[in-house]
Amino acid sequence: MASSEIDPIHQFQILKIVDLGAPGGVQLAFTNSAAYMVGIVALVFFFLTYATRGRTLVPGRLQSLAEMSYEFVASTVRQTAGNEGMKFFPLVFSLFIFVLVANFVGLIPYTFTVTSHIIVTAALALVVIGTVIVYGFVRHGTHFLHLFVPSGVPAFLLPFMVVIELISFLSRPISLSLRLFANMLAGHIAMKVFAGFVVMMSASGVAGLLGATLPLAMVVALTALEFLVAFLQAYVFTVLTCIYLNDALHPGH
């Protein structure tokens, strides 16, 4: 049995597809991770374009799915950041759809889960926090710094509260990226481990086949759970994004 078939970490290996050289001493390459991200963006683009091409009054199944996705994200933005938050809708919708599709694609056997890599989730989180900072200063100027100064705090406690608020703000991209990365990584490792048990025990004869029943049931249960986790993590990422963007709209406590 090949080691890649039982190694739960092998599925996360980044492989070089095209070597792009090393300009400035930095090694560049087009990898399987980049290929999947390009494919996910292309898949979403063509699906939404095809599903909304007719825009009929009585929508078909694909158009209904596209409209439901739009309304789901729009209602999340309005509930979390208010109607004013809809100016960020293109960003929030893009992040939600990308994370959702990436999570579901990763559940297909022998595919690659881009959201199981911290570099990808950290990049998405930095886009969110970068948007908050840039928009906050552009719209509010130095008033945006009031985000770190709670109102009604005694003067002697104010320096400590500012430090706490600053640390809390800086920890946002860390928690946002780690939550998605850790959930997808752990779930796929667990499925791979139990699937490995099924393969190894099935090769041990009749007794092994009987013993493989329990790990097989665990694989089925974990797969169903991972479908739920894939959606929930995309939703949580979206909700937290809206909460952070709301701070850019209303920086005062």
C-alpha atoms as a PDB file:
ATOM      1  CA  MET A   1       0.000   0.000   0.000  1.00  0.00           C
ATOM      2  CA  ALA A   2       1.433   3.379  -0.983  1.00  0.00           C
ATOM      3  CA  SER A   3       2.283   5.690   1.905  1.00  0.00           C
ATOM      4  CA  SER A   4       0.193   8.482   0.348  1.00  0.00           C
ATOM      5  CA  GLU A   5      -2.885   6.287   0.733  1.00  0.00           C
ATOM      6  CA  ILE A   6      -2.567   6.105   4.529  1.00  0.00           C
ATOM      7  CA  ASP A   7      -0.719   9.341   5.321  1.00  0.00           C
ATOM      8  CA  PRO A   8      -3.385  11.849   6.483  1.00  0.00           C
ATOM      9  CA  ILE A   9      -1.060  14.808   5.821  1.00  0.00           C
ATOM     10  CA  HIS A  10      -0.179  13.891   2.230  1.00  0.00           C
ATOM     11  CA  GLN A  11      -3.489  15.356   0.972  1.00  0.00           C
ATOM     12  CA  PHE A  12      -2.360  18.861   1.995  1.00  0.00           C
ATOM     13  CA  GLN A  13       0.937  18.785   0.123  1.00  0.00           C
ATOM     14  CA  ILE A  14       1.473  21.720  -2.220  1.00  0.00           C
ATOM     15  CA  LEU A  15       2.924  20.555  -5.531  1.00  0.00           C
ATOM     16  CA  LYS A  16       4.685  22.662  -8.112  1.00  0.00           C
ATOM     17  CA  ILE A  17       3.030  22.581 -11.543  1.00  0.00           C
ATOM     18  CA  VAL A  18       4.919  25.301 -13.427  1.00  0.00           C
ATOM     19  CA  ASP A  19       8.215  26.784 -12.279  1.00  0.00           C
ATOM     20  CA  LEU A  20       8.128  30.564 -12.745  1.00  0.00           C
ATOM     21  CA  GLY A  21      11.750  31.157 -11.811  1.00  0.00           C
ATOM     22  CA  ALA A  22      13.229  33.057  -8.902  1.00  0.00           C
ATOM     23  CA  PRO A  23      13.166  36.820  -9.576  1.00  0.00           C
ATOM     24  CA  GLY A  24      14.958  38.699  -6.811  1.00  0.00           C
ATOM     25  CA  GLY A  25      15.855  35.404  -5.167  1.00  0.00           C
ATOM     26  CA  VAL A  26      12.203  34.586  -4.434  1.00  0.00           C
ATOM     27  CA  GLN A  27      11.089  31.219  -5.781  1.00  0.00           C
ATOM     28  CA  LEU A  28       7.842  31.506  -7.730  1.00  0.00           C
ATOM     29  CA  ALA A  29       5.713  28.656  -9.047  1.00  0.00           C
ATOM     30  CA  PHE A  30       2.186  27.881 -10.182  1.00  0.00           C
ATOM     31  CA  THR A  31       1.062  25.175  -7.745  1.00  0.00           C
ATOM     32  CA  ASN A  32      -1.861  22.829  -7.332  1.00  0.00           C
ATOM     33  CA  SER A  33      -3.232  25.229  -4.696  1.00  0.00           C
ATOM     34  CA  ALA A  34      -3.147  28.123  -7.172  1.00  0.00           C
ATOM     35  CA  ALA A  35      -4.716  25.934  -9.857  1.00  0.00           C
ATOM     36  CA  TYR A  36      -7.623  25.007  -7.580  1.00  0.00           C
ATOM     37  CA  MET A  37      -8.181  28.644  -6.607  1.00  0.00           C
ATOM     38  CA  VAL A  38      -8.258  29.686 -10.252  1.00  0.00           C
ATOM     39  CA  GLY A  39     -10.618  26.797 -10.986  1.00  0.00           C
ATOM     40  CA  ILE A  40     -12.925  27.749  -8.097  1.00  0.00           C
ATOM     41  CA  VAL A  41     -13.126  31.366  -9.262  1.00  0.00           C
ATOM     42  CA  ALA A  42     -13.814  30.208 -12.833  1.00  0.00           C
ATOM     43  CA  LEU A  43     -16.467  27.748 -11.637  1.00  0.00           C
ATOM     44  CA  VAL A  44     -18.272  30.419  -9.618  1.00  0.00           C
ATOM     45  CA  PHE A  45     -18.037  32.942 -12.459  1.00  0.00           C
ATOM     46  CA  PHE A  46     -19.441  30.625 -15.115  1.00  0.00           C
ATOM     47  CA  PHE A  47     -22.152  29.269 -12.823  1.00  0.00           C
ATOM     48  CA  LEU A  48     -23.442  32.708 -11.837  1.00  0.00           C
ATOM     49  CA  THR A  49     -23.175  33.953 -15.423  1.00  0.00           C
ATOM     50  CA  TYR A  50     -25.049  30.940 -16.784  1.00  0.00           C
ATOM     51  CA  ALA A  51     -27.635  30.846 -13.986  1.00  0.00           C
ATOM     52  CA  THR A  52     -28.597  34.527 -14.394  1.00  0.00           C
ATOM     53  CA  ARG A  53     -28.324  34.801 -18.171  1.00  0.00           C
ATOM     54  CA  GLY A  54     -32.100  34.773 -18.744  1.00  0.00           C
ATOM     55  CA  ARG A  55     -33.296  36.534 -15.580  1.00  0.00           C
ATOM     56  CA  THR A  56     -36.811  35.226 -16.078  1.00  0.00           C
ATOM     57  CA  LEU A  57     -39.702  36.341 -13.892  1.00  0.00           C
ATOM     58  CA  VAL A  58     -40.268  32.715 -12.900  1.00  0.00           C
ATOM     59  CA  PRO A  59     -36.732  31.530 -12.169  1.00  0.00           C
ATOM     60  CA  GLY A  60     -35.480  28.057 -12.946  1.00  0.00           C
ATOM     61  CA  ARG A  61     -33.492  25.933 -10.523  1.00  0.00           C
ATOM     62  CA  LEU A  62     -30.098  27.456 -11.258  1.00  0.00           C
ATOM     63  CA  GLN A  63     -31.421  31.011 -11.217  1.00  0.00           C
ATOM     64  CA  SER A  64     -33.219  30.295  -7.938  1.00  0.00           C
ATOM     65  CA  LEU A  65     -29.984  28.981  -6.419  1.00  0.00           C
ATOM     66  CA  ALA A  66     -28.103  32.088  -7.553  1.00  0.00           C
ATOM     67  CA  GLU A  67     -30.817  34.390  -6.206  1.00  0.00           C
ATOM     68  CA  MET A  68     -30.961  32.500  -2.902  1.00  0.00           C
ATOM     69  CA  SER A  69     -27.197  32.927  -2.522  1.00  0.00           C
ATOM     70  CA  TYR A  70     -27.534  36.647  -3.183  1.00  0.00           C
ATOM     71  CA  GLU A  71     -30.405  37.105  -0.730  1.00  0.00           C
ATOM     72  CA  PHE A  72     -28.726  34.988   1.942  1.00  0.00           C
ATOM     73  CA  VAL A  73     -25.570  37.088   1.919  1.00  0.00           C
ATOM     74  CA  ALA A  74     -27.491  40.356   1.541  1.00  0.00           C
ATOM     75  CA  SER A  75     -29.676  39.601   4.558  1.00  0.00           C
ATOM     76  CA  THR A  76     -26.591  38.656   6.577  1.00  0.00           C
ATOM     77  CA  VAL A  77     -24.950  41.974   5.692  1.00  0.00           C
ATOM     78  CA  ARG A  78     -28.066  43.990   6.550  1.00  0.00           C
ATOM     79  CA  GLN A  79     -28.625  42.221   9.867  1.00  0.00           C
ATOM     80  CA  THR A  80     -24.994  42.588  10.929  1.00  0.00           C
ATOM     81  CA  ALA A  81     -23.844  45.907   9.441  1.00  0.00           C
ATOM     82  CA  GLY A  82     -27.141  47.587   8.551  1.00  0.00           C
ATOM     83  CA  ASN A  83     -28.246  48.881   5.148  1.00  0.00           C
ATOM     84  CA  GLU A  84     -25.123  51.034   4.988  1.00  0.00           C
ATOM     85  CA  GLY A  85     -23.064  47.859   5.022  1.00  0.00           C
ATOM     86  CA  MET A  86     -24.433  46.897   1.588  1.00  0.00           C
ATOM     87  CA  LYS A  87     -21.667  48.992   0.033  1.00  0.00           C
ATOM     88  CA  PHE A  88     -19.398  46.099   1.029  1.00  0.00           C
ATOM     89  CA  PHE A  89     -21.734  43.479  -0.447  1.00  0.00           C
ATOM     90  CA  PRO A  90     -19.514  42.620  -3.463  1.00  0.00           C
ATOM     91  CA  LEU A  91     -16.587  41.888  -1.153  1.00  0.00           C
ATOM     92  CA  VAL A  92     -18.646  39.894   1.362  1.00  0.00           C
ATOM     93  CA  PHE A  93     -20.452  37.909  -1.340  1.00  0.00           C
ATOM     94  CA  SER A  94     -17.167  37.092  -3.104  1.00  0.00           C
ATOM     95  CA  LEU A  95     -15.578  35.873   0.130  1.00  0.00           C
ATOM     96  CA  PHE A  96     -18.610  33.774   1.097  1.00  0.00           C
ATOM     97  CA  ILE A  97     -18.947  32.088  -2.287  1.00  0.00           C
ATOM     98  CA  PHE A  98     -15.212  31.458  -2.612  1.00  0.00           C
ATOM     99  CA  VAL A  99     -14.881  29.913   0.850  1.00  0.00           C
ATOM    100  CA  LEU A 100     -18.090  27.894   0.453  1.00  0.00           C
ATOM    101  CA  VAL A 101     -17.164  26.436  -2.932  1.00  0.00           C
ATOM    102  CA  ALA A 102     -13.559  25.812  -1.846  1.00  0.00           C
ATOM    103  CA  ASN A 103     -14.805  23.916   1.213  1.00  0.00           C
ATOM    104  CA  PHE A 104     -17.210  21.778  -0.817  1.00  0.00           C
ATOM    105  CA  VAL A 105     -14.689  21.086  -3.593  1.00  0.00           C
ATOM    106  CA  GLY A 106     -12.295  19.828  -0.938  1.00  0.00           C
ATOM    107  CA  LEU A 107     -14.825  17.171   0.074  1.00  0.00           C
ATOM    108  CA  ILE A 108     -14.589  15.505  -3.331  1.00  0.00           C
ATOM    109  CA  PRO A 109     -12.191  12.532  -3.130  1.00  0.00           C
ATOM    110  CA  TYR A 110      -8.689  13.158  -4.503  1.00  0.00           C
ATOM    111  CA  THR A 111      -9.168  16.927  -4.677  1.00  0.00           C
ATOM    112  CA  PHE A 112      -7.284  19.670  -2.854  1.00  0.00           C
ATOM    113  CA  THR A 113      -8.736  21.804  -0.044  1.00  0.00           C
ATOM    114  CA  VAL A 114      -7.284  25.295  -0.391  1.00  0.00           C
ATOM    115  CA  THR A 115      -8.961  26.505   2.819  1.00  0.00           C
ATOM    116  CA  SER A 116      -6.987  23.926   4.802  1.00  0.00           C
ATOM    117  CA  HIS A 117      -3.855  26.051   4.310  1.00  0.00           C
ATOM    118  CA  ILE A 118      -3.204  28.900   6.718  1.00  0.00           C
ATOM    119  CA  ILE A 119      -1.578  31.032   3.995  1.00  0.00           C
ATOM    120  CA  VAL A 120      -4.860  31.110   2.060  1.00  0.00           C
ATOM    121  CA  THR A 121      -7.144  31.806   5.015  1.00  0.00           C
ATOM    122  CA  ALA A 122      -4.693  34.406   6.374  1.00  0.00           C
ATOM    123  CA  ALA A 123      -4.691  36.198   3.017  1.00  0.00           C
ATOM    124  CA  LEU A 124      -8.503  36.332   3.047  1.00  0.00           C
ATOM    125  CA  ALA A 125      -8.498  37.617   6.641  1.00  0.00           C
ATOM    126  CA  LEU A 126      -5.927  40.306   5.807  1.00  0.00           C
ATOM    127  CA  VAL A 127      -8.116  41.485   2.922  1.00  0.00           C
ATOM    128  CA  VAL A 128     -10.974  41.972   5.401  1.00  0.00           C
ATOM    129  CA  ILE A 129      -8.906  43.747   8.055  1.00  0.00           C
ATOM    130  CA  GLY A 130      -7.105  45.815   5.424  1.00  0.00           C
ATOM    131  CA  THR A 131     -10.469  46.968   4.073  1.00  0.00           C
ATOM    132  CA  VAL A 132     -11.604  47.898   7.588  1.00  0.00           C
ATOM    133  CA  ILE A 133      -8.484  49.963   8.261  1.00  0.00           C
ATOM    134  CA  VAL A 134      -8.332  51.721   4.888  1.00  0.00           C
ATOM    135  CA  TYR A 135     -12.048  52.515   4.719  1.00  0.00           C
ATOM    136  CA  GLY A 136     -12.119  53.539   8.382  1.00  0.00           C
ATOM    137  CA  PHE A 137      -9.369  56.127   7.959  1.00  0.00           C
ATOM    138  CA  VAL A 138     -10.621  57.329   4.559  1.00  0.00           C
ATOM    139  CA  ARG A 139     -14.132  57.936   5.853  1.00  0.00           C
ATOM    140  CA  HIS A 140     -13.536  58.952   9.467  1.00  0.00           C
ATOM    141  CA  GLY A 141      -9.934  60.134   9.532  1.00  0.00           C
ATOM    142  CA  THR A 142      -8.389  60.067  12.987  1.00  0.00           C
ATOM    143  CA  HIS A 143     -11.883  59.583  14.465  1.00  0.00           C
ATOM    144  CA  PHE A 144     -11.471  55.940  13.435  1.00  0.00           C
ATOM    145  CA  LEU A 145      -9.026  55.609  16.339  1.00  0.00           C
ATOM    146  CA  HIS A 146     -12.011  55.992  18.682  1.00  0.00           C
ATOM    147  CA  LEU A 147     -12.509  52.311  17.972  1.00  0.00           C
ATOM    148  CA  PHE A 148      -9.721  51.724  20.484  1.00  0.00           C
ATOM    149  CA  VAL A 149     -10.975  54.225  23.071  1.00  0.00           C
ATOM    150  CA  PRO A 150     -14.067  52.950  24.935  1.00  0.00           C
ATOM    151  CA  SER A 151     -16.368  55.698  26.157  1.00  0.00           C
ATOM    152  CA  GLY A 152     -17.099  56.180  29.854  1.00  0.00           C
ATOM    153  CA  VAL A 153     -13.845  54.609  31.027  1.00  0.00           C
ATOM    154  CA  PRO A 154     -12.044  56.333  33.950  1.00  0.00           C
ATOM    155  CA  ALA A 155      -8.857  58.148  32.922  1.00  0.00           C
ATOM    156  CA  PHE A 156      -6.548  55.926  34.967  1.00  0.00           C
ATOM    157  CA  LEU A 157      -7.924  52.814  33.222  1.00  0.00           C
ATOM    158  CA  LEU A 158      -7.906  54.299  29.726  1.00  0.00           C
ATOM    159  CA  PRO A 159      -4.300  53.308  28.777  1.00  0.00           C
ATOM    160  CA  PHE A 160      -4.965  49.706  29.761  1.00  0.00           C
ATOM    161  CA  MET A 161      -8.260  49.617  27.852  1.00  0.00           C
ATOM    162  CA  VAL A 162      -6.617  51.071  24.746  1.00  0.00           C
ATOM    163  CA  VAL A 163      -3.964  48.343  24.854  1.00  0.00           C
ATOM    164  CA  ILE A 164      -6.635  45.660  25.317  1.00  0.00           C
ATOM    165  CA  GLU A 165      -8.723  47.036  22.443  1.00  0.00           C
ATOM    166  CA  LEU A 166      -5.650  47.244  20.202  1.00  0.00           C
ATOM    167  CA  ILE A 167      -4.658  43.655  20.975  1.00  0.00           C
ATOM    168  CA  SER A 168      -8.257  42.563  20.367  1.00  0.00           C
ATOM    169  CA  PHE A 169      -8.263  44.303  16.977  1.00  0.00           C
ATOM    170  CA  LEU A 170      -4.912  42.843  15.933  1.00  0.00           C
ATOM    171  CA  SER A 171      -6.052  39.347  16.944  1.00  0.00           C
ATOM    172  CA  ARG A 172      -9.021  39.494  14.565  1.00  0.00           C
ATOM    173  CA  PRO A 173      -7.197  38.374  11.413  1.00  0.00           C
ATOM    174  CA  ILE A 174      -5.487  35.638  13.441  1.00  0.00           C
ATOM    175  CA  SER A 175      -8.733  34.218  14.819  1.00  0.00           C
ATOM    176  CA  LEU A 176     -10.539  34.687  11.498  1.00  0.00           C
ATOM    177  CA  SER A 177      -7.906  32.735   9.578  1.00  0.00           C
ATOM    178  CA  LEU A 178      -7.178  30.081  12.228  1.00  0.00           C
ATOM    179  CA  ARG A 179     -10.850  29.186  12.748  1.00  0.00           C
ATOM    180  CA  LEU A 180     -11.418  28.314   9.084  1.00  0.00           C
ATOM    181  CA  PHE A 181      -8.009  26.679   8.590  1.00  0.00           C
ATOM    182  CA  ALA A 182      -8.166  24.534  11.743  1.00  0.00           C
ATOM    183  CA  ASN A 183     -11.704  23.257  11.143  1.00  0.00           C
ATOM    184  CA  MET A 184     -11.035  22.219   7.561  1.00  0.00           C
ATOM    185  CA  LEU A 185      -7.646  20.689   8.411  1.00  0.00           C
ATOM    186  CA  ALA A 186      -8.911  18.688  11.387  1.00  0.00           C
ATOM    187  CA  GLY A 187     -11.982  17.388   9.590  1.00  0.00           C
ATOM    188  CA  HIS A 188     -10.049  16.135   6.572  1.00  0.00           C
ATOM    189  CA  ILE A 189      -7.389  14.505   8.722  1.00  0.00           C
ATOM    190  CA  ALA A 190     -10.061  12.674  10.731  1.00  0.00           C
ATOM    191  CA  MET A 191     -11.753  11.390   7.566  1.00  0.00           C
ATOM    192  CA  LYS A 192      -8.427  10.275   6.105  1.00  0.00           C
ATOM    193  CA  VAL A 193      -7.459   8.424   9.304  1.00  0.00           C
ATOM    194  CA  PHE A 194     -10.718   6.465   9.504  1.00  0.00           C
ATOM    195  CA  ALA A 195     -10.661   5.788   5.754  1.00  0.00           C
ATOM    196  CA  GLY A 196      -7.151   4.368   6.236  1.00  0.00           C
ATOM    197  CA  PHE A 197      -8.484   2.060   8.955  1.00  0.00           C
ATOM    198  CA  VAL A 198     -11.142   0.794   6.555  1.00  0.00           C
ATOM    199  CA  VAL A 199      -8.560   0.012   3.843  1.00  0.00           C
ATOM    200  CA  MET A 200      -6.082  -1.682   6.186  1.00  0.00           C
ATOM    201  CA  MET A 201      -8.688  -3.782   8.021  1.00  0.00           C
ATOM    202  CA  SER A 202     -10.396  -4.827   4.779  1.00  0.00           C
ATOM    203  CA  ALA A 203      -7.121  -6.361   3.627  1.00  0.00           C
ATOM    204  CA  SER A 204      -7.082  -8.675   6.686  1.00  0.00           C
ATOM    205  CA  GLY A 205      -9.677 -11.158   5.527  1.00  0.00           C
ATOM    206  CA  VAL A 206     -13.232 -11.800   6.719  1.00  0.00           C
ATOM    207  CA  ALA A 207     -12.539 -10.721  10.294  1.00  0.00           C
ATOM    208  CA  GLY A 208     -11.005  -7.515   8.994  1.00  0.00           C
ATOM    209  CA  LEU A 209     -14.040  -6.812   6.814  1.00  0.00           C
ATOM    210  CA  LEU A 210     -16.298  -7.140   9.831  1.00  0.00           C
ATOM    211  CA  GLY A 211     -13.997  -4.965  11.907  1.00  0.00           C
ATOM    212  CA  ALA A 212     -13.957  -2.318   9.172  1.00  0.00           C
ATOM    213  CA  THR A 213     -17.685  -1.723   9.624  1.00  0.00           C
ATOM    214  CA  LEU A 214     -17.244   0.713  12.514  1.00  0.00           C
ATOM    215  CA  PRO A 215     -14.577   2.921  10.883  1.00  0.00           C
ATOM    216  CA  LEU A 216     -16.617   2.886   7.663  1.00  0.00           C
ATOM    217  CA  ALA A 217     -19.631   4.143   9.590  1.00  0.00           C
ATOM    218  CA  MET A 218     -17.403   6.833  11.113  1.00  0.00           C
ATOM    219  CA  VAL A 219     -16.251   7.898   7.641  1.00  0.00           C
ATOM    220  CA  VAL A 220     -19.869   8.248   6.495  1.00  0.00           C
ATOM    221  CA  ALA A 221     -20.806  10.193   9.622  1.00  0.00           C
ATOM    222  CA  LEU A 222     -17.744  12.441   9.366  1.00  0.00           C
ATOM    223  CA  THR A 223     -18.455  13.112   5.699  1.00  0.00           C
ATOM    224  CA  ALA A 224     -21.977  14.257   6.531  1.00  0.00           C
ATOM    225  CA  LEU A 225     -20.606  16.375   9.378  1.00  0.00           C
ATOM    226  CA  GLU A 226     -17.978  17.914   7.108  1.00  0.00           C
ATOM    227  CA  PHE A 227     -20.666  19.054   4.661  1.00  0.00           C
ATOM    228  CA  LEU A 228     -22.316  20.894   7.543  1.00  0.00           C
ATOM    229  CA  VAL A 229     -18.979  22.276   8.753  1.00  0.00           C
ATOM    230  CA  ALA A 230     -18.103  23.428   5.215  1.00  0.00           C
ATOM    231  CA  PHE A 231     -21.219  25.591   5.109  1.00  0.00           C
ATOM    232  CA  LEU A 232     -21.023  26.766   8.724  1.00  0.00           C
ATOM    233  CA  GLN A 233     -17.397  27.875   8.389  1.00  0.00           C
ATOM    234  CA  ALA A 234     -18.217  29.890   5.274  1.00  0.00           C
ATOM    235  CA  TYR A 235     -21.165  31.445   7.117  1.00  0.00           C
ATOM    236  CA  VAL A 236     -19.133  32.210  10.272  1.00  0.00           C
ATOM    237  CA  PHE A 237     -16.387  33.765   8.151  1.00  0.00           C
ATOM    238  CA  THR A 238     -19.022  35.935   6.465  1.00  0.00           C
ATOM    239  CA  VAL A 239     -20.702  37.011   9.715  1.00  0.00           C
ATOM    240  CA  LEU A 240     -17.396  37.949  11.341  1.00  0.00           C
ATOM    241  CA  THR A 241     -16.414  39.853   8.203  1.00  0.00           C
ATOM    242  CA  CYS A 242     -19.636  41.857   8.435  1.00  0.00           C
ATOM    243  CA  ILE A 243     -19.063  42.557  12.148  1.00  0.00           C
ATOM    244  CA  TYR A 244     -15.545  43.833  11.470  1.00  0.00           C
ATOM    245  CA  LEU A 245     -16.713  45.941   8.515  1.00  0.00           C
ATOM    246  CA  ASN A 246     -19.371  47.459  10.770  1.00  0.00           C
ATOM    247  CA  ASP A 247     -16.516  48.869  12.889  1.00  0.00           C
ATOM    248  CA  ALA A 248     -15.269  50.703   9.811  1.00  0.00           C
ATOM    249  CA  LEU A 249     -18.732  52.220   9.389  1.00  0.00           C
ATOM    250  CA  HIS A 250     -19.289  53.035  13.079  1.00  0.00           C
ATOM    251  CA  PRO A 251     -15.939  53.168  14.917  1.00  0.00           C
ATOM    252  CA  GLY A 252     -17.300  54.706  18.111  1.00  0.00           C
ATOM    253  CA  HIS A 253     -18.102  52.482  21.115  1.00  0.00           C
END
